[in-house]
Amino acid sequence: MKAFERVEKLAAESDNQYTLALAMAKRVRALRDGAPCLVPAVRDSRHNAVRAAMEEFARGLIAYETTDMDTGKTEGDGK
């Protein structure tokens, strides 16, 4: 299964797909700014930042959480 398909599955299982998209966009920006890629198979993560971020999320290497703005409670890591 390719990273895109795994990310689609992750999005389908997520309570909030918008939060997942924001988390991925934030990771893409970090990679473009020089953050180290957690997937060694991705070469030149600055130029392949979207692919690298998708691989990281698909493999479960990046966790994220949502906060309910009404209660302030934090919910899971998107899994």
Protein backbone atom coordinates (compact mmCIF):
# COMPACT_ATOMS: atom_id res chain seq x y z
CA MET A 1 0.00 0.00 0.00
CA LYS A 2 1.37 3.41 -0.94
CA ALA A 3 1.70 6.32 1.46
CA PHE A 4 -1.20 8.19 -0.15
CA GLU A 5 -3.53 5.23 0.37
CA ARG A 6 -2.41 4.84 4.00
CA VAL A 7 -2.98 8.56 4.62
CA GLU A 8 -6.46 8.30 3.08
CA LYS A 9 -7.20 5.42 5.44
CA LEU A 10 -5.85 7.45 8.36
CA ALA A 11 -8.07 10.37 7.35
CA ALA A 12 -11.12 8.12 7.13
CA GLU A 13 -10.43 6.81 10.64
CA SER A 14 -9.73 10.27 12.04
CA ASP A 15 -12.33 12.18 14.03
CA ASN A 16 -11.26 15.42 12.37
CA GLN A 17 -9.79 15.31 8.86
CA TYR A 18 -9.20 19.07 8.91
CA THR A 19 -6.87 18.72 11.90
CA LEU A 20 -4.97 15.96 10.11
CA ALA A 21 -4.55 18.20 7.07
CA LEU A 22 -3.31 21.06 9.25
CA ALA A 23 -0.85 18.79 11.04
CA MET A 24 0.50 17.51 7.71
CA ALA A 25 0.82 21.06 6.34
CA LYS A 26 2.73 22.09 9.44
CA ARG A 27 5.07 19.13 9.03
CA VAL A 28 5.61 19.97 5.33
CA ARG A 29 6.62 23.51 6.31
CA ALA A 30 9.00 22.16 8.96
CA LEU A 31 10.63 19.83 6.43
CA ARG A 32 11.03 22.66 3.91
CA ASP A 33 12.65 24.74 6.65
CA GLY A 34 15.23 22.01 7.23
CA ALA A 35 13.74 19.69 9.88
CA PRO A 36 15.15 16.16 9.65
CA CYS A 37 13.03 13.61 7.84
CA LEU A 38 12.06 10.54 9.90
CA VAL A 39 11.91 8.29 6.83
CA PRO A 40 15.40 7.48 5.55
CA ALA A 41 14.08 6.28 2.18
CA VAL A 42 13.01 9.84 1.24
CA ARG A 43 15.91 11.68 -0.31
CA ASP A 44 16.10 15.47 -0.26
CA SER A 45 13.12 16.04 2.04
CA ARG A 46 13.18 19.78 1.38
CA HIS A 47 12.17 19.24 -2.25
CA ASN A 48 10.01 16.19 -1.51
CA ALA A 49 8.45 17.61 1.66
CA VAL A 50 4.88 16.54 0.86
CA ARG A 51 5.96 12.99 0.08
CA ALA A 52 8.13 12.86 3.20
CA ALA A 53 5.33 14.15 5.45
CA MET A 54 2.85 11.68 3.96
CA GLU A 55 5.28 8.82 4.57
CA GLU A 56 5.85 9.93 8.16
CA PHE A 57 2.13 10.14 8.93
CA ALA A 58 1.37 6.92 7.07
CA ARG A 59 3.97 5.04 9.11
CA GLY A 60 2.70 6.51 12.38
CA LEU A 61 5.93 8.41 13.05
CA ILE A 62 4.14 11.72 13.60
CA ALA A 63 1.35 12.02 16.15
CA TYR A 64 -1.10 14.87 16.48
CA GLU A 65 -3.92 15.73 18.84
CA THR A 66 -7.06 17.80 18.75
CA THR A 67 -8.38 20.09 21.45
CA ASP A 68 -12.07 20.67 22.02
CA MET A 69 -12.34 24.45 22.08
CA ASP A 70 -15.41 24.35 24.34
CA THR A 71 -13.97 22.13 27.07
CA GLY A 72 -10.24 22.46 26.49
CA LYS A 73 -9.88 18.67 26.58
CA THR A 74 -7.28 17.02 24.37
CA GLU A 75 -8.38 14.06 22.28
CA GLY A 76 -6.00 11.33 21.15
CA ASP A 77 -3.35 11.51 18.49
CA GLY A 78 -5.53 11.18 15.44
CA LYS A 79 -5.53 7.39 15.52
